[in-house]
C-alpha atoms as a PDB file:
ATOM      1  CA  MET A   1      17.477  88.271-117.942  1.00  0.00           C
ATOM      2  CA  ALA A   2      19.247  85.519-119.945  1.00  0.00           C
ATOM      3  CA  GLU A   3      18.182  82.387-121.863  1.00  0.00           C
ATOM      4  CA  SER A   4      19.736  79.025-120.951  1.00  0.00           C
ATOM      5  CA  ASP A   5      20.500  76.128-123.312  1.00  0.00           C
ATOM      6  CA  GLN A   6      17.092  74.654-122.437  1.00  0.00           C
ATOM      7  CA  GLY A   7      15.337  77.832-123.508  1.00  0.00           C
ATOM      8  CA  VAL A   8      14.414  78.764-119.928  1.00  0.00           C
ATOM      9  CA  LEU A   9      14.732  82.413-118.990  1.00  0.00           C
ATOM     10  CA  THR A  10      16.857  83.022-115.903  1.00  0.00           C
ATOM     11  CA  LEU A  11      16.762  86.234-113.916  1.00  0.00           C
ATOM     12  CA  ILE A  12      20.186  87.776-113.343  1.00  0.00           C
ATOM     13  CA  PRO A  13      20.241  90.034-110.255  1.00  0.00           C
ATOM     14  CA  ALA A  14      21.013  93.675-111.044  1.00  0.00           C
ATOM     15  CA  PRO A  15      24.162  95.130-109.417  1.00  0.00           C
ATOM     16  CA  PRO A  16      23.839  97.742-106.664  1.00  0.00           C
ATOM     17  CA  THR A  17      23.288 101.281-107.914  1.00  0.00           C
ATOM     18  CA  VAL A  18      25.155 104.174-106.381  1.00  0.00           C
ATOM     19  CA  ALA A  19      23.204 107.084-104.908  1.00  0.00           C
ATOM     20  CA  PRO A  20      24.562 110.378-103.518  1.00  0.00           C
ATOM     21  CA  LEU A  21      26.048 110.161-100.041  1.00  0.00           C
ATOM     22  CA  HIS A  22      23.347 112.452 -98.723  1.00  0.00           C
ATOM     23  CA  ALA A  23      20.644 109.886 -99.481  1.00  0.00           C
ATOM     24  CA  PRO A  24      18.763 108.758 -96.335  1.00  0.00           C
ATOM     25  CA  GLN A  25      20.400 105.813 -94.635  1.00  0.00           C
ATOM     26  CA  GLN A  26      17.875 103.045 -94.048  1.00  0.00           C
ATOM     27  CA  LEU A  27      17.479  99.293 -94.125  1.00  0.00           C
ATOM     28  CA  ARG A  28      14.146  97.529 -94.529  1.00  0.00           C
ATOM     29  CA  ASN A  29      13.859  93.918 -93.425  1.00  0.00           C
ATOM     30  CA  SER A  30      11.507  91.160 -94.578  1.00  0.00           C
ATOM     31  CA  GLY A  31      12.683  88.013 -92.835  1.00  0.00           C
ATOM     32  CA  ASP A  32      16.289  87.765 -93.987  1.00  0.00           C
ATOM     33  CA  ALA A  33      15.675  90.002 -97.006  1.00  0.00           C
ATOM     34  CA  VAL A  34      17.214  93.458 -96.872  1.00  0.00           C
ATOM     35  CA  SER A  35      16.522  96.405 -99.162  1.00  0.00           C
ATOM     36  CA  GLY A  36      17.058 100.158 -99.162  1.00  0.00           C
ATOM     37  CA  CYS A  37      20.525 101.670 -98.841  1.00  0.00           C
ATOM     38  CA  TRP A  38      23.647 101.422 -96.721  1.00  0.00           C
ATOM     39  CA  ASN A  39      25.744 104.564 -96.219  1.00  0.00           C
ATOM     40  CA  GLY A  40      24.046 106.145 -99.229  1.00  0.00           C
ATOM     41  CA  ILE A  41      24.449 103.185-101.626  1.00  0.00           C
ATOM     42  CA  ARG A  42      21.091 101.886-102.808  1.00  0.00           C
ATOM     43  CA  PHE A  43      20.509  98.210-103.493  1.00  0.00           C
ATOM     44  CA  PRO A  44      17.480  96.153-104.551  1.00  0.00           C
ATOM     45  CA  PRO A  45      15.706  93.628-102.296  1.00  0.00           C
ATOM     46  CA  SER A  46      17.822  90.517-101.864  1.00  0.00           C
ATOM     47  CA  GLN A  47      18.364  87.566 -99.565  1.00  0.00           C
ATOM     48  CA  HIS A  48      21.251  89.147 -97.672  1.00  0.00           C
ATOM     49  CA  THR A  49      21.718  89.800 -93.998  1.00  0.00           C
ATOM     50  CA  ARG A  50      22.826  93.248 -92.853  1.00  0.00           C
ATOM     51  CA  ALA A  51      26.365  91.951 -92.383  1.00  0.00           C
ATOM     52  CA  ALA A  52      26.446  90.511 -95.889  1.00  0.00           C
ATOM     53  CA  VAL A  53      25.211  93.762 -97.379  1.00  0.00           C
ATOM     54  CA  LYS A  54      27.905  95.749 -95.550  1.00  0.00           C
ATOM     55  CA  THR A  55      30.604  93.309 -96.637  1.00  0.00           C
ATOM     56  CA  THR A  56      29.427  93.503-100.245  1.00  0.00           C
ATOM     57  CA  LEU A  57      29.125  97.275-100.474  1.00  0.00           C
ATOM     58  CA  GLN A  58      32.203  98.436 -98.557  1.00  0.00           C
ATOM     59  CA  PRO A  59      34.518  97.730-101.536  1.00  0.00           C
ATOM     60  CA  VAL A  60      32.187  99.789-103.754  1.00  0.00           C
ATOM     61  CA  LEU A  61      32.739 102.824-101.534  1.00  0.00           C
ATOM     62  CA  ALA A  62      36.493 102.231-101.577  1.00  0.00           C
ATOM     63  CA  LEU A  63      36.415 102.215-105.377  1.00  0.00           C
ATOM     64  CA  MET A  64      34.318 105.389-105.479  1.00  0.00           C
ATOM     65  CA  PHE A  65      36.687 107.502-103.403  1.00  0.00           C
ATOM     66  CA  LYS A  66      40.375 107.005-104.124  1.00  0.00           C
ATOM     67  CA  ASN A  67      41.443 110.602-103.504  1.00  0.00           C
ATOM     68  CA  ILE A  68      40.083 113.242-101.129  1.00  0.00           C
ATOM     69  CA  LEU A  69      40.585 117.004-100.984  1.00  0.00           C
ATOM     70  CA  VAL A  70      40.080 118.934 -97.725  1.00  0.00           C
ATOM     71  CA  VAL A  71      39.293 122.630 -98.075  1.00  0.00           C
ATOM     72  CA  CYS A  72      39.233 125.621 -95.713  1.00  0.00           C
ATOM     73  CA  ILE A  73      40.125 129.302 -96.183  1.00  0.00           C
ATOM     74  CA  GLY A  74      43.866 129.807 -95.655  1.00  0.00           C
ATOM     75  CA  ASN A  75      45.023 126.166 -95.819  1.00  0.00           C
ATOM     76  CA  ILE A  76      47.247 126.590 -92.766  1.00  0.00           C
ATOM     77  CA  CYS A  77      45.017 125.600 -89.811  1.00  0.00           C
ATOM     78  CA  ARG A  78      41.955 123.427 -90.333  1.00  0.00           C
ATOM     79  CA  SER A  79      42.410 121.707 -93.673  1.00  0.00           C
ATOM     80  CA  PRO A  80      46.032 120.585 -93.152  1.00  0.00           C
ATOM     81  CA  THR A  81      45.106 119.254 -89.705  1.00  0.00           C
ATOM     82  CA  ALA A  82      42.186 117.284 -91.144  1.00  0.00           C
ATOM     83  CA  GLU A  83      44.429 116.165 -94.005  1.00  0.00           C
ATOM     84  CA  ALA A  84      46.982 114.742 -91.565  1.00  0.00           C
ATOM     85  CA  LEU A  85      44.257 112.950 -89.595  1.00  0.00           C
ATOM     86  CA  LEU A  86      42.689 111.465 -92.719  1.00  0.00           C
ATOM     87  CA  VAL A  87      46.064 110.333 -94.073  1.00  0.00           C
ATOM     88  CA  SER A  88      46.750 108.451 -90.847  1.00  0.00           C
ATOM     89  CA  ARG A  89      43.435 106.599 -91.210  1.00  0.00           C
ATOM     90  CA  LEU A  90      43.068 106.135 -94.960  1.00  0.00           C
ATOM     91  CA  ALA A  91      46.564 105.858 -96.452  1.00  0.00           C
ATOM     92  CA  PRO A  92      46.785 102.131 -95.514  1.00  0.00           C
ATOM     93  CA  ARG A  93      43.685 101.613 -97.696  1.00  0.00           C
ATOM     94  CA  GLY A  94      45.316 103.253-100.700  1.00  0.00           C
ATOM     95  CA  ILE A  95      43.280 106.469-100.443  1.00  0.00           C
ATOM     96  CA  THR A  96      45.248 109.669-101.009  1.00  0.00           C
ATOM     97  CA  VAL A  97      44.405 112.921 -99.213  1.00  0.00           C
ATOM     98  CA  ALA A  98      45.439 116.520 -99.917  1.00  0.00           C
ATOM     99  CA  SER A  99      44.283 119.992 -98.878  1.00  0.00           C
ATOM    100  CA  ALA A 100      43.872 123.485-100.315  1.00  0.00           C
ATOM    101  CA  GLY A 101      42.467 126.879 -99.402  1.00  0.00           C
ATOM    102  CA  ILE A 102      39.844 129.135-100.968  1.00  0.00           C
ATOM    103  CA  HIS A 103      42.079 132.117-100.160  1.00  0.00           C
ATOM    104  CA  ALA A 104      45.247 130.216 -99.382  1.00  0.00           C
ATOM    105  CA  LEU A 105      48.378 131.626 -97.817  1.00  0.00           C
ATOM    106  CA  GLU A 106      50.382 130.010-100.578  1.00  0.00           C
ATOM    107  CA  GLY A 107      53.674 128.439 -99.608  1.00  0.00           C
ATOM    108  CA  LYS A 108      53.144 129.065 -95.899  1.00  0.00           C
ATOM    109  CA  PRO A 109      53.643 126.268 -93.341  1.00  0.00           C
ATOM    110  CA  MET A 110      50.966 125.197 -90.910  1.00  0.00           C
ATOM    111  CA  ASP A 111      49.977 127.698 -88.249  1.00  0.00           C
ATOM    112  CA  ALA A 112      52.280 127.129 -85.272  1.00  0.00           C
ATOM    113  CA  THR A 113      49.469 126.571 -82.776  1.00  0.00           C
ATOM    114  CA  ALA A 114      47.563 124.250 -85.108  1.00  0.00           C
ATOM    115  CA  LEU A 115      50.705 122.178 -85.608  1.00  0.00           C
ATOM    116  CA  GLU A 116      51.406 122.157 -81.874  1.00  0.00           C
ATOM    117  CA  VAL A 117      47.928 120.796 -81.114  1.00  0.00           C
ATOM    118  CA  LEU A 118      48.228 118.200 -83.875  1.00  0.00           C
ATOM    119  CA  ARG A 119      51.560 117.007 -82.474  1.00  0.00           C
ATOM    120  CA  GLU A 120      50.173 116.836 -78.938  1.00  0.00           C
ATOM    121  CA  HIS A 121      47.658 114.324 -80.272  1.00  0.00           C
ATOM    122  CA  GLY A 122      50.306 112.205 -81.969  1.00  0.00           C
ATOM    123  CA  GLY A 123      50.099 113.643 -85.475  1.00  0.00           C
ATOM    124  CA  ASP A 124      52.453 115.765 -87.576  1.00  0.00           C
ATOM    125  CA  HIS A 125      52.572 117.662 -90.864  1.00  0.00           C
ATOM    126  CA  PRO A 126      55.988 119.394 -90.918  1.00  0.00           C
ATOM    127  CA  ASP A 127      56.318 119.809 -94.686  1.00  0.00           C
ATOM    128  CA  HIS A 128      52.932 121.392 -95.382  1.00  0.00           C
ATOM    129  CA  GLN A 129      52.765 124.401 -97.688  1.00  0.00           C
ATOM    130  CA  GLY A 130      49.560 126.331 -98.333  1.00  0.00           C
ATOM    131  CA  ARG A 131      47.981 125.706-101.755  1.00  0.00           C
ATOM    132  CA  GLN A 132      45.394 127.767-103.599  1.00  0.00           C
ATOM    133  CA  LEU A 133      42.237 125.885-104.546  1.00  0.00           C
ATOM    134  CA  THR A 134      41.667 125.640-108.306  1.00  0.00           C
ATOM    135  CA  ARG A 135      38.895 124.384-110.534  1.00  0.00           C
ATOM    136  CA  GLU A 136      41.215 121.668-111.813  1.00  0.00           C
ATOM    137  CA  MET A 137      41.658 120.353-108.268  1.00  0.00           C
ATOM    138  CA  LEU A 138      37.894 120.209-107.819  1.00  0.00           C
ATOM    139  CA  ARG A 139      37.610 118.149-110.979  1.00  0.00           C
ATOM    140  CA  GLN A 140      40.506 115.869-110.026  1.00  0.00           C
ATOM    141  CA  TYR A 141      39.382 114.712-106.577  1.00  0.00           C
ATOM    142  CA  ASP A 142      36.632 112.151-105.929  1.00  0.00           C
ATOM    143  CA  LEU A 143      35.482 113.621-102.607  1.00  0.00           C
ATOM    144  CA  ILE A 144      35.788 117.177-101.288  1.00  0.00           C
ATOM    145  CA  LEU A 145      35.384 117.897 -97.576  1.00  0.00           C
ATOM    146  CA  THR A 146      34.912 121.432 -96.259  1.00  0.00           C
ATOM    147  CA  MET A 147      34.590 123.119 -92.890  1.00  0.00           C
ATOM    148  CA  GLU A 148      31.636 125.479 -93.445  1.00  0.00           C
ATOM    149  CA  GLN A 149      28.550 125.766 -95.635  1.00  0.00           C
ATOM    150  CA  GLY A 150      30.001 128.945 -97.095  1.00  0.00           C
ATOM    151  CA  HIS A 151      32.947 126.941 -98.389  1.00  0.00           C
ATOM    152  CA  ILE A 152      30.583 124.647-100.276  1.00  0.00           C
ATOM    153  CA  GLN A 153      28.958 127.671-101.884  1.00  0.00           C
ATOM    154  CA  ARG A 154      32.319 129.051-102.999  1.00  0.00           C
ATOM    155  CA  ILE A 155      33.326 125.673-104.400  1.00  0.00           C
ATOM    156  CA  VAL A 156      30.088 125.381-106.370  1.00  0.00           C
ATOM    157  CA  GLN A 157      30.653 128.870-107.781  1.00  0.00           C
ATOM    158  CA  LEU A 158      34.115 127.832-108.922  1.00  0.00           C
ATOM    159  CA  ALA A 159      33.106 124.406-110.238  1.00  0.00           C
ATOM    160  CA  PRO A 160      29.333 123.697-110.338  1.00  0.00           C
ATOM    161  CA  GLU A 161      30.027 120.122-111.384  1.00  0.00           C
ATOM    162  CA  ALA A 162      31.675 119.472-107.992  1.00  0.00           C
ATOM    163  CA  ARG A 163      28.456 120.005-106.013  1.00  0.00           C
ATOM    164  CA  GLY A 164      27.508 116.328-105.854  1.00  0.00           C
ATOM    165  CA  LYS A 165      30.828 115.292-104.306  1.00  0.00           C
ATOM    166  CA  THR A 166      31.307 118.160-101.843  1.00  0.00           C
ATOM    167  CA  PHE A 167      30.307 117.740 -98.193  1.00  0.00           C
ATOM    168  CA  LEU A 168      31.052 119.087 -94.753  1.00  0.00           C
ATOM    169  CA  LEU A 169      33.707 117.282 -92.736  1.00  0.00           C
ATOM    170  CA  GLY A 170      31.098 117.384 -89.959  1.00  0.00           C
ATOM    171  CA  LYS A 171      28.369 115.864 -92.136  1.00  0.00           C
ATOM    172  CA  TRP A 172      27.849 112.866 -89.866  1.00  0.00           C
ATOM    173  CA  GLN A 173      27.666 115.126 -86.799  1.00  0.00           C
ATOM    174  CA  GLY A 174      24.450 116.749 -88.041  1.00  0.00           C
ATOM    175  CA  ASN A 175      26.251 118.883 -90.644  1.00  0.00           C
ATOM    176  CA  GLN A 176      28.400 120.424 -87.935  1.00  0.00           C
ATOM    177  CA  GLU A 177      30.368 123.434 -89.136  1.00  0.00           C
ATOM    178  CA  ILE A 178      33.933 123.785 -87.884  1.00  0.00           C
ATOM    179  CA  PRO A 179      34.912 127.386 -87.063  1.00  0.00           C
ATOM    180  CA  ASP A 180      38.192 129.024 -88.004  1.00  0.00           C
ATOM    181  CA  PRO A 181      40.599 129.234 -85.014  1.00  0.00           C
ATOM    182  CA  TYR A 182      43.101 131.462 -86.844  1.00  0.00           C
ATOM    183  CA  ARG A 183      44.649 134.125 -84.568  1.00  0.00           C
ATOM    184  CA  GLN A 184      42.754 132.825 -81.561  1.00  0.00           C
ATOM    185  CA  GLN A 185      44.081 131.306 -78.353  1.00  0.00           C
ATOM    186  CA  LYS A 186      45.142 127.672 -78.046  1.00  0.00           C
ATOM    187  CA  PRO A 187      41.835 126.470 -76.461  1.00  0.00           C
ATOM    188  CA  ALA A 188      40.070 127.460 -79.694  1.00  0.00           C
ATOM    189  CA  PHE A 189      42.498 125.300 -81.682  1.00  0.00           C
ATOM    190  CA  GLU A 190      41.952 122.400 -79.293  1.00  0.00           C
ATOM    191  CA  HIS A 191      38.171 122.715 -79.653  1.00  0.00           C
ATOM    192  CA  VAL A 192      38.438 122.782 -83.444  1.00  0.00           C
ATOM    193  CA  TYR A 193      40.807 119.804 -83.389  1.00  0.00           C
ATOM    194  CA  GLN A 194      38.238 117.751 -81.475  1.00  0.00           C
ATOM    195  CA  LEU A 195      35.509 118.636 -83.975  1.00  0.00           C
ATOM    196  CA  MET A 196      37.735 117.633 -86.871  1.00  0.00           C
ATOM    197  CA  ALA A 197      38.774 114.398 -85.176  1.00  0.00           C
ATOM    198  CA  GLN A 198      35.108 113.459 -84.806  1.00  0.00           C
ATOM    199  CA  GLY A 199      34.470 114.199 -88.465  1.00  0.00           C
ATOM    200  CA  VAL A 200      37.510 112.231 -89.590  1.00  0.00           C
ATOM    201  CA  GLU A 201      36.506 109.262 -87.474  1.00  0.00           C
ATOM    202  CA  SER A 202      33.022 109.213 -89.004  1.00  0.00           C
ATOM    203  CA  TRP A 203      34.191 109.590 -92.583  1.00  0.00           C
ATOM    204  CA  SER A 204      36.838 106.900 -92.065  1.00  0.00           C
ATOM    205  CA  GLN A 205      34.075 104.496 -91.054  1.00  0.00           C
ATOM    206  CA  LYS A 206      31.876 105.430 -94.002  1.00  0.00           C
ATOM    207  CA  LEU A 207      34.565 105.062 -96.670  1.00  0.00           C
END
């Protein structure tokens, strides 16, 4: 609220407030007025259409998440594959993506079958080396994506402050967990690739 030169009080609309990504997604309409939240960002009632709200809030999400960390166990199968997929989608927007493992095979390249499947789908990650997840990494990154609920629990044990920014890659597929294909046959890797591709597509649309 502000006072003009004529002494008349003028209401100044409050800016949107950011809520956790797991907040319910809903829009409530009253004529052209829209209130509620879009993709987890809450906003007060206003005279905006749905399209206007989306246009207004998309840059807020982009500012919130400028770097993303993908986590699995060994950091040679799932997380580097998801990393490569996310980089292909988000790098043009200035969002950086990296990966690490809870029990990483440090310095090891991608699993040969995982890399083969990635390449068959037009991707590549030839220079990957496994990295061990650290508490400092969890503090550094804006968004942390994992494959299983157990990974979230391990991350919270390592860095409790990271809980609010840690989610499943399959969050938008009903919190779909993505199983570990390590030492399995190629069809298992293909199945896991498809699950990750779905998760990446959804997160790319939300960010």
